[in-house]
Amino acid sequence: MRLAERRTLYVATNMDCSDMRLAVVARMLSTRAVRTVCAKEALWEALAVEGQADGGATPAAEVQRNYFASLVEQEVAARAHTFVGSKYSTWTDTVRGMRLAAGKPASAHHLFEELWALGVK
């Protein structure tokens, strides 16, 4: 796939997808023809905990749902063409390890804080 065809950014985050900060980033990227996808709610629906179909999730079910959603998002990030993680994140460390084990080049792994310091905005 050519670089020009890579125009989708999947956002894996523990924030609510409707968070204003994500909306600002999405709006900024849309001016560069980059579409952002934050599918956390859809993923949570797909991972509905058995016995919780009425939407009333217990705190334990909530933790389980978040855990499984995180695993799915780690797999998406591990398979992505490029990955931008956070410097102080064990989640990022796990994804980077998965990507290296899969033979992804180190040049396809970036840290948000390093890109920001370089002026990439």
PDB file of N, CA and C in Angstrom:
ATOM      1  N   MET A   1       0.837  -1.173   0.000  1.00  0.00           N
ATOM      2  CA  MET A   1       0.000   0.000   0.000  1.00  0.00           C
ATOM      3  C   MET A   1       0.885   1.240   0.000  1.00  0.00           C
ATOM      4  N   ARG A   2       0.564   2.169  -0.868  1.00  0.00           N
ATOM      5  CA  ARG A   2       1.329   3.410  -0.930  1.00  0.00           C
ATOM      6  C   ARG A   2       0.986   4.317   0.240  1.00  0.00           C
ATOM      7  N   LEU A   3       1.915   5.187   0.570  1.00  0.00           N
ATOM      8  CA  LEU A   3       1.719   6.109   1.690  1.00  0.00           C
ATOM      9  C   LEU A   3       0.444   6.926   1.530  1.00  0.00           C
ATOM     10  N   ALA A   4       0.149   7.359   0.315  1.00  0.00           N
ATOM     11  CA  ALA A   4      -1.032   8.186   0.075  1.00  0.00           C
ATOM     12  C   ALA A   4      -2.327   7.454   0.415  1.00  0.00           C
ATOM     13  N   GLU A   5      -2.302   6.134   0.424  1.00  0.00           N
ATOM     14  CA  GLU A   5      -3.505   5.359   0.715  1.00  0.00           C
ATOM     15  C   GLU A   5      -3.711   5.155   2.213  1.00  0.00           C
ATOM     16  N   ARG A   6      -2.744   5.465   3.021  1.00  0.00           N
ATOM     17  CA  ARG A   6      -2.860   5.284   4.469  1.00  0.00           C
ATOM     18  C   ARG A   6      -3.482   6.534   5.065  1.00  0.00           C
ATOM     19  N   ARG A   7      -4.772   6.527   5.163  1.00  0.00           N
ATOM     20  CA  ARG A   7      -5.490   7.721   5.590  1.00  0.00           C
ATOM     21  C   ARG A   7      -6.443   7.466   6.747  1.00  0.00           C
ATOM     22  N   THR A   8      -6.246   6.375   7.478  1.00  0.00           N
ATOM     23  CA  THR A   8      -7.098   6.075   8.622  1.00  0.00           C
ATOM     24  C   THR A   8      -6.237   5.901   9.860  1.00  0.00           C
ATOM     25  N   LEU A   9      -6.642   6.542  10.940  1.00  0.00           N
ATOM     26  CA  LEU A   9      -5.942   6.444  12.213  1.00  0.00           C
ATOM     27  C   LEU A   9      -6.884   5.825  13.230  1.00  0.00           C
ATOM     28  N   TYR A  10      -6.518   4.651  13.736  1.00  0.00           N
ATOM     29  CA  TYR A  10      -7.313   4.012  14.781  1.00  0.00           C
ATOM     30  C   TYR A  10      -6.818   4.527  16.124  1.00  0.00           C
ATOM     31  N   VAL A  11      -7.717   5.036  16.938  1.00  0.00           N
ATOM     32  CA  VAL A  11      -7.364   5.585  18.244  1.00  0.00           C
ATOM     33  C   VAL A  11      -7.725   4.566  19.317  1.00  0.00           C
ATOM     34  N   ALA A  12      -6.713   3.992  19.934  1.00  0.00           N
ATOM     35  CA  ALA A  12      -6.909   3.082  21.067  1.00  0.00           C
ATOM     36  C   ALA A  12      -6.605   3.890  22.318  1.00  0.00           C
ATOM     37  N   THR A  13      -7.605   4.095  23.139  1.00  0.00           N
ATOM     38  CA  THR A  13      -7.429   4.953  24.304  1.00  0.00           C
ATOM     39  C   THR A  13      -8.329   4.504  25.441  1.00  0.00           C
ATOM     40  N   ASN A  14      -7.949   4.872  26.642  1.00  0.00           N
ATOM     41  CA  ASN A  14      -8.832   4.601  27.770  1.00  0.00           C
ATOM     42  C   ASN A  14      -9.748   5.795  28.038  1.00  0.00           C
ATOM     43  N   MET A  15      -9.655   6.819  27.190  1.00  0.00           N
ATOM     44  CA  MET A  15     -10.564   7.965  27.289  1.00  0.00           C
ATOM     45  C   MET A  15     -11.879   7.617  26.603  1.00  0.00           C
ATOM     46  N   ASP A  16     -12.911   8.363  26.927  1.00  0.00           N
ATOM     47  CA  ASP A  16     -14.181   8.260  26.229  1.00  0.00           C
ATOM     48  C   ASP A  16     -13.953   8.784  24.811  1.00  0.00           C
ATOM     49  N   CYS A  17     -14.457   8.078  23.817  1.00  0.00           N
ATOM     50  CA  CYS A  17     -14.247   8.489  22.421  1.00  0.00           C
ATOM     51  C   CYS A  17     -14.866   9.850  22.110  1.00  0.00           C
ATOM     52  N   SER A  18     -15.811  10.300  22.927  1.00  0.00           N
ATOM     53  CA  SER A  18     -16.425  11.608  22.696  1.00  0.00           C
ATOM     54  C   SER A  18     -15.678  12.730  23.422  1.00  0.00           C
ATOM     55  N   ASP A  19     -14.548  12.410  24.037  1.00  0.00           N
ATOM     56  CA  ASP A  19     -13.753  13.406  24.749  1.00  0.00           C
ATOM     57  C   ASP A  19     -13.360  14.538  23.794  1.00  0.00           C
ATOM     58  N   MET A  20     -13.456  15.752  24.267  1.00  0.00           N
ATOM     59  CA  MET A  20     -13.178  16.924  23.440  1.00  0.00           C
ATOM     60  C   MET A  20     -11.759  16.920  22.881  1.00  0.00           C
ATOM     61  N   ARG A  21     -10.803  16.393  23.640  1.00  0.00           N
ATOM     62  CA  ARG A  21      -9.415  16.354  23.155  1.00  0.00           C
ATOM     63  C   ARG A  21      -9.298  15.486  21.909  1.00  0.00           C
ATOM     64  N   LEU A  22     -10.017  14.368  21.885  1.00  0.00           N
ATOM     65  CA  LEU A  22     -10.005  13.514  20.694  1.00  0.00           C
ATOM     66  C   LEU A  22     -10.706  14.201  19.527  1.00  0.00           C
ATOM     67  N   ALA A  23     -11.764  14.937  19.822  1.00  0.00           N
ATOM     68  CA  ALA A  23     -12.475  15.666  18.771  1.00  0.00           C
ATOM     69  C   ALA A  23     -11.569  16.706  18.125  1.00  0.00           C
ATOM     70  N   VAL A  24     -10.757  17.380  18.926  1.00  0.00           N
ATOM     71  CA  VAL A  24      -9.825  18.384  18.394  1.00  0.00           C
ATOM     72  C   VAL A  24      -8.794  17.717  17.484  1.00  0.00           C
ATOM     73  N   VAL A  25      -8.243  16.592  17.925  1.00  0.00           N
ATOM     74  CA  VAL A  25      -7.261  15.860  17.112  1.00  0.00           C
ATOM     75  C   VAL A  25      -7.909  15.381  15.815  1.00  0.00           C
ATOM     76  N   ALA A  26      -9.117  14.837  15.909  1.00  0.00           N
ATOM     77  CA  ALA A  26      -9.820  14.351  14.717  1.00  0.00           C
ATOM     78  C   ALA A  26     -10.079  15.482  13.731  1.00  0.00           C
ATOM     79  N   ARG A  27     -10.487  16.631  14.243  1.00  0.00           N
ATOM     80  CA  ARG A  27     -10.744  17.783  13.379  1.00  0.00           C
ATOM     81  C   ARG A  27      -9.456  18.240  12.694  1.00  0.00           C
ATOM     82  N   MET A  28      -8.368  18.291  13.446  1.00  0.00           N
ATOM     83  CA  MET A  28      -7.086  18.696  12.877  1.00  0.00           C
ATOM     84  C   MET A  28      -6.655  17.728  11.772  1.00  0.00           C
ATOM     85  N   LEU A  29      -6.778  16.426  12.043  1.00  0.00           N
ATOM     86  CA  LEU A  29      -6.365  15.433  11.058  1.00  0.00           C
ATOM     87  C   LEU A  29      -7.275  15.420   9.835  1.00  0.00           C
ATOM     88  N   SER A  30      -8.541  15.741  10.021  1.00  0.00           N
ATOM     89  CA  SER A  30      -9.462  15.752   8.879  1.00  0.00           C
ATOM     90  C   SER A  30      -9.054  16.804   7.854  1.00  0.00           C
ATOM     91  N   THR A  31      -8.398  17.881   8.286  1.00  0.00           N
ATOM     92  CA  THR A  31      -7.923  18.890   7.337  1.00  0.00           C
ATOM     93  C   THR A  31      -6.792  18.339   6.474  1.00  0.00           C
ATOM     94  N   ARG A  32      -6.210  17.227   6.921  1.00  0.00           N
ATOM     95  CA  ARG A  32      -5.149  16.566   6.149  1.00  0.00           C
ATOM     96  C   ARG A  32      -5.654  15.275   5.515  1.00  0.00           C
ATOM     97  N   ALA A  33      -6.969  15.150   5.423  1.00  0.00           N
ATOM     98  CA  ALA A  33      -7.633  13.997   4.801  1.00  0.00           C
ATOM     99  C   ALA A  33      -7.340  12.689   5.530  1.00  0.00           C
ATOM    100  N   VAL A  34      -7.167  12.772   6.849  1.00  0.00           N
ATOM    101  CA  VAL A  34      -6.959  11.574   7.666  1.00  0.00           C
ATOM    102  C   VAL A  34      -8.219  11.360   8.503  1.00  0.00           C
ATOM    103  N   ARG A  35      -8.791  10.174   8.371  1.00  0.00           N
ATOM    104  CA  ARG A  35      -9.998   9.818   9.123  1.00  0.00           C
ATOM    105  C   ARG A  35      -9.585   9.131  10.415  1.00  0.00           C
ATOM    106  N   THR A  36     -10.184   9.536  11.526  1.00  0.00           N
ATOM    107  CA  THR A  36      -9.898   8.883  12.806  1.00  0.00           C
ATOM    108  C   THR A  36     -11.055   7.949  13.160  1.00  0.00           C
ATOM    109  N   VAL A  37     -10.690   6.814  13.740  1.00  0.00           N
ATOM    110  CA  VAL A  37     -11.671   5.820  14.165  1.00  0.00           C
ATOM    111  C   VAL A  37     -11.411   5.505  15.632  1.00  0.00           C
ATOM    112  N   CYS A  38     -12.417   5.696  16.447  1.00  0.00           N
ATOM    113  CA  CYS A  38     -12.358   5.319  17.861  1.00  0.00           C
ATOM    114  C   CYS A  38     -13.572   4.425  18.085  1.00  0.00           C
ATOM    115  N   ALA A  39     -13.338   3.133  18.092  1.00  0.00           N
ATOM    116  CA  ALA A  39     -14.447   2.172  18.100  1.00  0.00           C
ATOM    117  C   ALA A  39     -14.669   1.531  19.462  1.00  0.00           C
ATOM    118  N   LYS A  40     -14.277   2.210  20.522  1.00  0.00           N
ATOM    119  CA  LYS A  40     -14.373   1.611  21.852  1.00  0.00           C
ATOM    120  C   LYS A  40     -15.798   1.186  22.193  1.00  0.00           C
ATOM    121  N   GLU A  41     -16.798   2.052  21.935  1.00  0.00           N
ATOM    122  CA  GLU A  41     -18.177   1.697  22.272  1.00  0.00           C
ATOM    123  C   GLU A  41     -18.645   0.482  21.476  1.00  0.00           C
ATOM    124  N   ALA A  42     -18.338   0.449  20.177  1.00  0.00           N
ATOM    125  CA  ALA A  42     -18.723  -0.698  19.349  1.00  0.00           C
ATOM    126  C   ALA A  42     -18.022  -1.963  19.829  1.00  0.00           C
ATOM    127  N   LEU A  43     -16.791  -1.832  20.224  1.00  0.00           N
ATOM    128  CA  LEU A  43     -16.037  -2.974  20.738  1.00  0.00           C
ATOM    129  C   LEU A  43     -16.646  -3.466  22.045  1.00  0.00           C
ATOM    130  N   TRP A  44     -17.033  -2.538  22.906  1.00  0.00           N
ATOM    131  CA  TRP A  44     -17.670  -2.925  24.172  1.00  0.00           C
ATOM    132  C   TRP A  44     -18.973  -3.678  23.914  1.00  0.00           C
ATOM    133  N   GLU A  45     -19.754  -3.225  22.929  1.00  0.00           N
ATOM    134  CA  GLU A  45     -21.004  -3.921  22.604  1.00  0.00           C
ATOM    135  C   GLU A  45     -20.722  -5.336  22.123  1.00  0.00           C
ATOM    136  N   ALA A  46     -19.700  -5.478  21.295  1.00  0.00           N
ATOM    137  CA  ALA A  46     -19.341  -6.803  20.782  1.00  0.00           C
ATOM    138  C   ALA A  46     -18.830  -7.707  21.894  1.00  0.00           C
ATOM    139  N   LEU A  47     -18.295  -7.118  22.939  1.00  0.00           N
ATOM    140  CA  LEU A  47     -17.747  -7.884  24.057  1.00  0.00           C
ATOM    141  C   LEU A  47     -18.702  -7.920  25.247  1.00  0.00           C
ATOM    142  N   ALA A  48     -19.984  -7.812  24.981  1.00  0.00           N
ATOM    143  CA  ALA A  48     -20.972  -7.819  26.066  1.00  0.00           C
ATOM    144  C   ALA A  48     -20.769  -9.050  26.940  1.00  0.00           C
ATOM    145  N   VAL A  49     -20.750  -8.819  28.218  1.00  0.00           N
ATOM    146  CA  VAL A  49     -20.547  -9.900  29.176  1.00  0.00           C
ATOM    147  C   VAL A  49     -21.840 -10.693  29.297  1.00  0.00           C
ATOM    148  N   GLU A  50     -21.725 -12.001  29.247  1.00  0.00           N
ATOM    149  CA  GLU A  50     -22.899 -12.865  29.343  1.00  0.00           C
ATOM    150  C   GLU A  50     -23.674 -12.541  30.618  1.00  0.00           C
ATOM    151  N   GLY A  51     -24.995 -12.468  30.483  1.00  0.00           N
ATOM    152  CA  GLY A  51     -25.834 -12.155  31.629  1.00  0.00           C
ATOM    153  C   GLY A  51     -25.996 -10.666  31.860  1.00  0.00           C
ATOM    154  N   GLN A  52     -25.358  -9.853  31.037  1.00  0.00           N
ATOM    155  CA  GLN A  52     -25.436  -8.396  31.192  1.00  0.00           C
ATOM    156  C   GLN A  52     -26.089  -7.755  29.973  1.00  0.00           C
ATOM    157  N   ALA A  53     -26.916  -8.508  29.263  1.00  0.00           N
ATOM    158  CA  ALA A  53     -27.526  -8.010  28.031  1.00  0.00           C
ATOM    159  C   ALA A  53     -28.432  -6.803  28.266  1.00  0.00           C
ATOM    160  N   ASP A  54     -28.919  -6.627  29.492  1.00  0.00           N
ATOM    161  CA  ASP A  54     -29.799  -5.496  29.787  1.00  0.00           C
ATOM    162  C   ASP A  54     -29.032  -4.186  29.959  1.00  0.00           C
ATOM    163  N   GLY A  55     -27.725  -4.243  29.827  1.00  0.00           N
ATOM    164  CA  GLY A  55     -26.901  -3.038  29.928  1.00  0.00           C
ATOM    165  C   GLY A  55     -26.447  -2.720  31.334  1.00  0.00           C
ATOM    166  N   GLY A  56     -26.959  -3.422  32.329  1.00  0.00           N
ATOM    167  CA  GLY A  56     -26.555  -3.168  33.708  1.00  0.00           C
ATOM    168  C   GLY A  56     -25.324  -3.972  34.058  1.00  0.00           C
ATOM    169  N   ALA A  57     -24.164  -3.377  33.901  1.00  0.00           N
ATOM    170  CA  ALA A  57     -22.910  -4.092  34.146  1.00  0.00           C
ATOM    171  C   ALA A  57     -22.445  -3.874  35.584  1.00  0.00           C
ATOM    172  N   THR A  58     -22.020  -4.938  36.218  1.00  0.00           N
ATOM    173  CA  THR A  58     -21.441  -4.845  37.558  1.00  0.00           C
ATOM    174  C   THR A  58     -20.031  -4.275  37.432  1.00  0.00           C
ATOM    175  N   PRO A  59     -19.462  -3.769  38.509  1.00  0.00           N
ATOM    176  CA  PRO A  59     -18.077  -3.276  38.430  1.00  0.00           C
ATOM    177  C   PRO A  59     -17.108  -4.348  37.925  1.00  0.00           C
ATOM    178  N   ALA A  60     -17.294  -5.596  38.341  1.00  0.00           N
ATOM    179  CA  ALA A  60     -16.410  -6.670  37.877  1.00  0.00           C
ATOM    180  C   ALA A  60     -16.580  -6.903  36.382  1.00  0.00           C
ATOM    181  N   ALA A  61     -17.811  -6.834  35.892  1.00  0.00           N
ATOM    182  CA  ALA A  61     -18.065  -7.012  34.458  1.00  0.00           C
ATOM    183  C   ALA A  61     -17.449  -5.870  33.663  1.00  0.00           C
ATOM    184  N   GLU A  62     -17.494  -4.677  34.223  1.00  0.00           N
ATOM    185  CA  GLU A  62     -16.901  -3.491  33.594  1.00  0.00           C
ATOM    186  C   GLU A  62     -15.386  -3.671  33.436  1.00  0.00           C
ATOM    187  N   VAL A  63     -14.738  -4.158  34.471  1.00  0.00           N
ATOM    188  CA  VAL A  63     -13.295  -4.413  34.431  1.00  0.00           C
ATOM    189  C   VAL A  63     -12.987  -5.473  33.380  1.00  0.00           C
ATOM    190  N   GLN A  64     -13.775  -6.536  33.354  1.00  0.00           N
ATOM    191  CA  GLN A  64     -13.564  -7.606  32.380  1.00  0.00           C
ATOM    192  C   GLN A  64     -13.736  -7.078  30.956  1.00  0.00           C
ATOM    193  N   ARG A  65     -14.762  -6.281  30.726  1.00  0.00           N
ATOM    194  CA  ARG A  65     -15.012  -5.721  29.400  1.00  0.00           C
ATOM    195  C   ARG A  65     -13.849  -4.832  28.971  1.00  0.00           C
ATOM    196  N   ASN A  66     -13.372  -3.977  29.866  1.00  0.00           N
ATOM    197  CA  ASN A  66     -12.239  -3.106  29.539  1.00  0.00           C
ATOM    198  C   ASN A  66     -10.980  -3.911  29.246  1.00  0.00           C
ATOM    199  N   TYR A  67     -10.779  -4.990  29.994  1.00  0.00           N
ATOM    200  CA  TYR A  67      -9.608  -5.847  29.794  1.00  0.00           C
ATOM    201  C   TYR A  67      -9.634  -6.473  28.403  1.00  0.00           C
ATOM    202  N   PHE A  68     -10.768  -7.053  28.021  1.00  0.00           N
ATOM    203  CA  PHE A  68     -10.861  -7.695  26.711  1.00  0.00           C
ATOM    204  C   PHE A  68     -10.769  -6.668  25.580  1.00  0.00           C
ATOM    205  N   ALA A  69     -11.362  -5.492  25.775  1.00  0.00           N
ATOM    206  CA  ALA A  69     -11.259  -4.435  24.769  1.00  0.00           C
ATOM    207  C   ALA A  69      -9.805  -4.026  24.587  1.00  0.00           C
ATOM    208  N   SER A  70      -9.064  -3.939  25.678  1.00  0.00           N
ATOM    209  CA  SER A  70      -7.651  -3.582  25.615  1.00  0.00           C
ATOM    210  C   SER A  70      -6.854  -4.619  24.829  1.00  0.00           C
ATOM    211  N   LEU A  71      -7.162  -5.896  25.043  1.00  0.00           N
ATOM    212  CA  LEU A  71      -6.463  -6.954  24.300  1.00  0.00           C
ATOM    213  C   LEU A  71      -6.729  -6.852  22.804  1.00  0.00           C
ATOM    214  N   VAL A  72      -7.978  -6.582  22.434  1.00  0.00           N
ATOM    215  CA  VAL A  72      -8.322  -6.439  21.015  1.00  0.00           C
ATOM    216  C   VAL A  72      -7.594  -5.236  20.425  1.00  0.00           C
ATOM    217  N   GLU A  73      -7.597  -4.124  21.154  1.00  0.00           N
ATOM    218  CA  GLU A  73      -6.931  -2.927  20.644  1.00  0.00           C
ATOM    219  C   GLU A  73      -5.416  -3.113  20.567  1.00  0.00           C
ATOM    220  N   GLN A  74      -4.837  -3.880  21.465  1.00  0.00           N
ATOM    221  CA  GLN A  74      -3.407  -4.181  21.365  1.00  0.00           C
ATOM    222  C   GLN A  74      -3.120  -4.952  20.083  1.00  0.00           C
ATOM    223  N   GLU A  75      -3.981  -5.886  19.743  1.00  0.00           N
ATOM    224  CA  GLU A  75      -3.787  -6.664  18.514  1.00  0.00           C
ATOM    225  C   GLU A  75      -3.912  -5.773  17.280  1.00  0.00           C
ATOM    226  N   VAL A  76      -4.888  -4.867  17.281  1.00  0.00           N
ATOM    227  CA  VAL A  76      -5.039  -3.920  16.171  1.00  0.00           C
ATOM    228  C   VAL A  76      -3.771  -3.079  16.040  1.00  0.00           C
ATOM    229  N   ALA A  77      -3.278  -2.557  17.156  1.00  0.00           N
ATOM    230  CA  ALA A  77      -2.071  -1.723  17.143  1.00  0.00           C
ATOM    231  C   ALA A  77      -0.842  -2.520  16.717  1.00  0.00           C
ATOM    232  N   ALA A  78      -0.766  -3.766  17.138  1.00  0.00           N
ATOM    233  CA  ALA A  78       0.382  -4.605  16.785  1.00  0.00           C
ATOM    234  C   ALA A  78       0.422  -4.892  15.290  1.00  0.00           C
ATOM    235  N   ARG A  79      -0.734  -4.977  14.652  1.00  0.00           N
ATOM    236  CA  ARG A  79      -0.796  -5.295  13.217  1.00  0.00           C
ATOM    237  C   ARG A  79      -0.776  -4.061  12.324  1.00  0.00           C
ATOM    238  N   ALA A  80      -0.904  -2.890  12.907  1.00  0.00           N
ATOM    239  CA  ALA A  80      -0.979  -1.651  12.135  1.00  0.00           C
ATOM    240  C   ALA A  80       0.319  -1.380  11.380  1.00  0.00           C
ATOM    241  N   HIS A  81       0.203  -0.591  10.324  1.00  0.00           N
ATOM    242  CA  HIS A  81       1.391  -0.217   9.555  1.00  0.00           C
ATOM    243  C   HIS A  81       2.371   0.557  10.427  1.00  0.00           C
ATOM    244  N   THR A  82       1.870   1.520  11.171  1.00  0.00           N
ATOM    245  CA  THR A  82       2.688   2.352  12.047  1.00  0.00           C
ATOM    246  C   THR A  82       1.996   2.462  13.398  1.00  0.00           C
ATOM    247  N   PHE A  83       2.784   2.587  14.443  1.00  0.00           N
ATOM    248  CA  PHE A  83       2.233   2.685  15.794  1.00  0.00           C
ATOM    249  C   PHE A  83       2.854   3.868  16.512  1.00  0.00           C
ATOM    250  N   VAL A  84       2.009   4.683  17.132  1.00  0.00           N
ATOM    251  CA  VAL A  84       2.469   5.782  17.976  1.00  0.00           C
ATOM    252  C   VAL A  84       1.929   5.514  19.374  1.00  0.00           C
ATOM    253  N   GLY A  85       2.827   5.309  20.310  1.00  0.00           N
ATOM    254  CA  GLY A  85       2.428   5.019  21.685  1.00  0.00           C
ATOM    255  C   GLY A  85       2.827   6.140  22.618  1.00  0.00           C
ATOM    256  N   SER A  86       2.657   5.892  23.889  1.00  0.00           N
ATOM    257  CA  SER A  86       2.999   6.862  24.918  1.00  0.00           C
ATOM    258  C   SER A  86       4.237   6.371  25.668  1.00  0.00           C
ATOM    259  N   LYS A  87       5.112   7.279  26.000  1.00  0.00           N
ATOM    260  CA  LYS A  87       6.406   6.940  26.588  1.00  0.00           C
ATOM    261  C   LYS A  87       6.306   6.166  27.896  1.00  0.00           C
ATOM    262  N   TYR A  88       5.384   6.508  28.754  1.00  0.00           N
ATOM    263  CA  TYR A  88       5.311   5.896  30.082  1.00  0.00           C
ATOM    264  C   TYR A  88       4.128   4.940  30.181  1.00  0.00           C
ATOM    265  N   SER A  89       4.025   4.020  29.248  1.00  0.00           N
ATOM    266  CA  SER A  89       2.866   3.139  29.191  1.00  0.00           C
ATOM    267  C   SER A  89       3.289   1.682  29.037  1.00  0.00           C
ATOM    268  N   THR A  90       2.845   0.849  29.960  1.00  0.00           N
ATOM    269  CA  THR A  90       3.124  -0.584  29.815  1.00  0.00           C
ATOM    270  C   THR A  90       2.324  -1.155  28.651  1.00  0.00           C
ATOM    271  N   TRP A  91       1.169  -0.553  28.340  1.00  0.00           N
ATOM    272  CA  TRP A  91       0.369  -0.972  27.184  1.00  0.00           C
ATOM    273  C   TRP A  91       1.192  -0.767  25.911  1.00  0.00           C
ATOM    274  N   THR A  92       1.823   0.405  25.803  1.00  0.00           N
ATOM    275  CA  THR A  92       2.688   0.695  24.659  1.00  0.00           C
ATOM    276  C   THR A  92       3.848  -0.289  24.600  1.00  0.00           C
ATOM    277  N   ASP A  93       4.455  -0.578  25.741  1.00  0.00           N
ATOM    278  CA  ASP A  93       5.566  -1.538  25.769  1.00  0.00           C
ATOM    279  C   ASP A  93       5.130  -2.900  25.246  1.00  0.00           C
ATOM    280  N   THR A  94       3.939  -3.333  25.618  1.00  0.00           N
ATOM    281  CA  THR A  94       3.422  -4.620  25.144  1.00  0.00           C
ATOM    282  C   THR A  94       3.237  -4.605  23.635  1.00  0.00           C
ATOM    283  N   VAL A  95       2.632  -3.549  23.118  1.00  0.00           N
ATOM    284  CA  VAL A  95       2.408  -3.446  21.668  1.00  0.00           C
ATOM    285  C   VAL A  95       3.739  -3.399  20.925  1.00  0.00           C
ATOM    286  N   ARG A  96       4.680  -2.617  21.420  1.00  0.00           N
ATOM    287  CA  ARG A  96       5.989  -2.543  20.754  1.00  0.00           C
ATOM    288  C   ARG A  96       6.672  -3.907  20.745  1.00  0.00           C
ATOM    289  N   GLY A  97       6.572  -4.651  21.845  1.00  0.00           N
ATOM    290  CA  GLY A  97       7.133  -5.996  21.892  1.00  0.00           C
ATOM    291  C   GLY A  97       6.468  -6.920  20.890  1.00  0.00           C
ATOM    292  N   MET A  98       5.147  -6.840  20.771  1.00  0.00           N
ATOM    293  CA  MET A  98       4.415  -7.662  19.802  1.00  0.00           C
ATOM    294  C   MET A  98       4.842  -7.313  18.377  1.00  0.00           C
ATOM    295  N   ARG A  99       5.008  -6.031  18.112  1.00  0.00           N
ATOM    296  CA  ARG A  99       5.398  -5.592  16.767  1.00  0.00           C
ATOM    297  C   ARG A  99       6.817  -6.056  16.427  1.00  0.00           C
ATOM    298  N   LEU A 100       7.731  -5.939  17.381  1.00  0.00           N
ATOM    299  CA  LEU A 100       9.105  -6.393  17.145  1.00  0.00           C
ATOM    300  C   LEU A 100       9.149  -7.901  16.935  1.00  0.00           C
ATOM    301  N   ALA A 101       8.378  -8.656  17.722  1.00  0.00           N
ATOM    302  CA  ALA A 101       8.332 -10.113  17.578  1.00  0.00           C
ATOM    303  C   ALA A 101       7.757 -10.515  16.223  1.00  0.00           C
ATOM    304  N   ALA A 102       6.874  -9.678  15.676  1.00  0.00           N
ATOM    305  CA  ALA A 102       6.269  -9.963  14.373  1.00  0.00           C
ATOM    306  C   ALA A 102       7.143  -9.486  13.215  1.00  0.00           C
ATOM    307  N   GLY A 103       8.291  -8.884  13.537  1.00  0.00           N
ATOM    308  CA  GLY A 103       9.209  -8.446  12.492  1.00  0.00           C
ATOM    309  C   GLY A 103       8.916  -7.069  11.928  1.00  0.00           C
ATOM    310  N   LYS A 104       8.075  -6.291  12.594  1.00  0.00           N
ATOM    311  CA  LYS A 104       7.807  -4.922  12.127  1.00  0.00           C
ATOM    312  C   LYS A 104       9.079  -4.099  12.336  1.00  0.00           C
ATOM    313  N   PRO A 105       9.441  -3.269  11.367  1.00  0.00           N
ATOM    314  CA  PRO A 105      10.670  -2.478  11.520  1.00  0.00           C
ATOM    315  C   PRO A 105      10.557  -1.467  12.653  1.00  0.00           C
ATOM    316  N   ALA A 106      11.655  -1.258  13.346  1.00  0.00           N
ATOM    317  CA  ALA A 106      11.672  -0.301  14.464  1.00  0.00           C
ATOM    318  C   ALA A 106      11.301   1.103  13.998  1.00  0.00           C
ATOM    319  N   SER A 107      11.521   1.401  12.725  1.00  0.00           N
ATOM    320  CA  SER A 107      11.184   2.725  12.194  1.00  0.00           C
ATOM    321  C   SER A 107       9.675   2.949  12.132  1.00  0.00           C
ATOM    322  N   ALA A 108       8.887   1.900  12.344  1.00  0.00           N
ATOM    323  CA  ALA A 108       7.425   2.022  12.321  1.00  0.00           C
ATOM    324  C   ALA A 108       6.849   2.142  13.729  1.00  0.00           C
ATOM    325  N   HIS A 109       7.712   2.342  14.729  1.00  0.00           N
ATOM    326  CA  HIS A 109       7.288   2.527  16.120  1.00  0.00           C
ATOM    327  C   HIS A 109       7.688   3.939  16.541  1.00  0.00           C
ATOM    328  N   HIS A 110       6.756   4.671  17.056  1.00  0.00           N
ATOM    329  CA  HIS A 110       7.049   6.034  17.491  1.00  0.00           C
ATOM    330  C   HIS A 110       6.452   6.269  18.869  1.00  0.00           C
ATOM    331  N   LEU A 111       6.995   7.236  19.572  1.00  0.00           N
ATOM    332  CA  LEU A 111       6.430   7.658  20.848  1.00  0.00           C
ATOM    333  C   LEU A 111       5.879   9.071  20.683  1.00  0.00           C
ATOM    334  N   PHE A 112       4.676   9.272  21.152  1.00  0.00           N
ATOM    335  CA  PHE A 112       4.014  10.564  21.036  1.00  0.00           C
ATOM    336  C   PHE A 112       4.897  11.696  21.555  1.00  0.00           C
ATOM    337  N   GLU A 113       5.483  11.488  22.724  1.00  0.00           N
ATOM    338  CA  GLU A 113       6.284  12.540  23.350  1.00  0.00           C
ATOM    339  C   GLU A 113       7.498  12.907  22.499  1.00  0.00           C
ATOM    340  N   GLU A 114       8.108  11.919  21.846  1.00  0.00           N
ATOM    341  CA  GLU A 114       9.265  12.198  20.988  1.00  0.00           C
ATOM    342  C   GLU A 114       8.838  12.968  19.744  1.00  0.00           C
ATOM    343  N   LEU A 115       7.719  12.574  19.141  1.00  0.00           N
ATOM    344  CA  LEU A 115       7.226  13.291  17.962  1.00  0.00           C
ATOM    345  C   LEU A 115       6.873  14.732  18.315  1.00  0.00           C
ATOM    346  N   TRP A 116       6.246  14.923  19.474  1.00  0.00           N
ATOM    347  CA  TRP A 116       5.881  16.266  19.917  1.00  0.00           C
ATOM    348  C   TRP A 116       7.133  17.122  20.100  1.00  0.00           C
ATOM    349  N   ALA A 117       8.171  16.556  20.728  1.00  0.00           N
ATOM    350  CA  ALA A 117       9.415  17.295  20.957  1.00  0.00           C
ATOM    351  C   ALA A 117      10.091  17.674  19.641  1.00  0.00           C
ATOM    352  N   LEU A 118       9.895  16.845  18.617  1.00  0.00           N
ATOM    353  CA  LEU A 118      10.471  17.130  17.303  1.00  0.00           C
ATOM    354  C   LEU A 118       9.646  18.144  16.515  1.00  0.00           C
ATOM    355  N   GLY A 119       8.494  18.504  17.052  1.00  0.00           N
ATOM    356  CA  GLY A 119       7.645  19.478  16.371  1.00  0.00           C
ATOM    357  C   GLY A 119       6.667  18.869  15.394  1.00  0.00           C
ATOM    358  N   VAL A 120       6.508  17.549  15.411  1.00  0.00           N
ATOM    359  CA  VAL A 120       5.547  16.892  14.529  1.00  0.00           C
ATOM    360  C   VAL A 120       4.172  17.076  15.144  1.00  0.00           C
ATOM    361  N   LYS A 121       3.336  17.862  14.491  1.00  0.00           N
ATOM    362  CA  LYS A 121       2.000  18.157  15.027  1.00  0.00           C
ATOM    363  C   LYS A 121       0.975  18.056  13.932  1.00  0.00           C
TER     364      LYS A 121
END
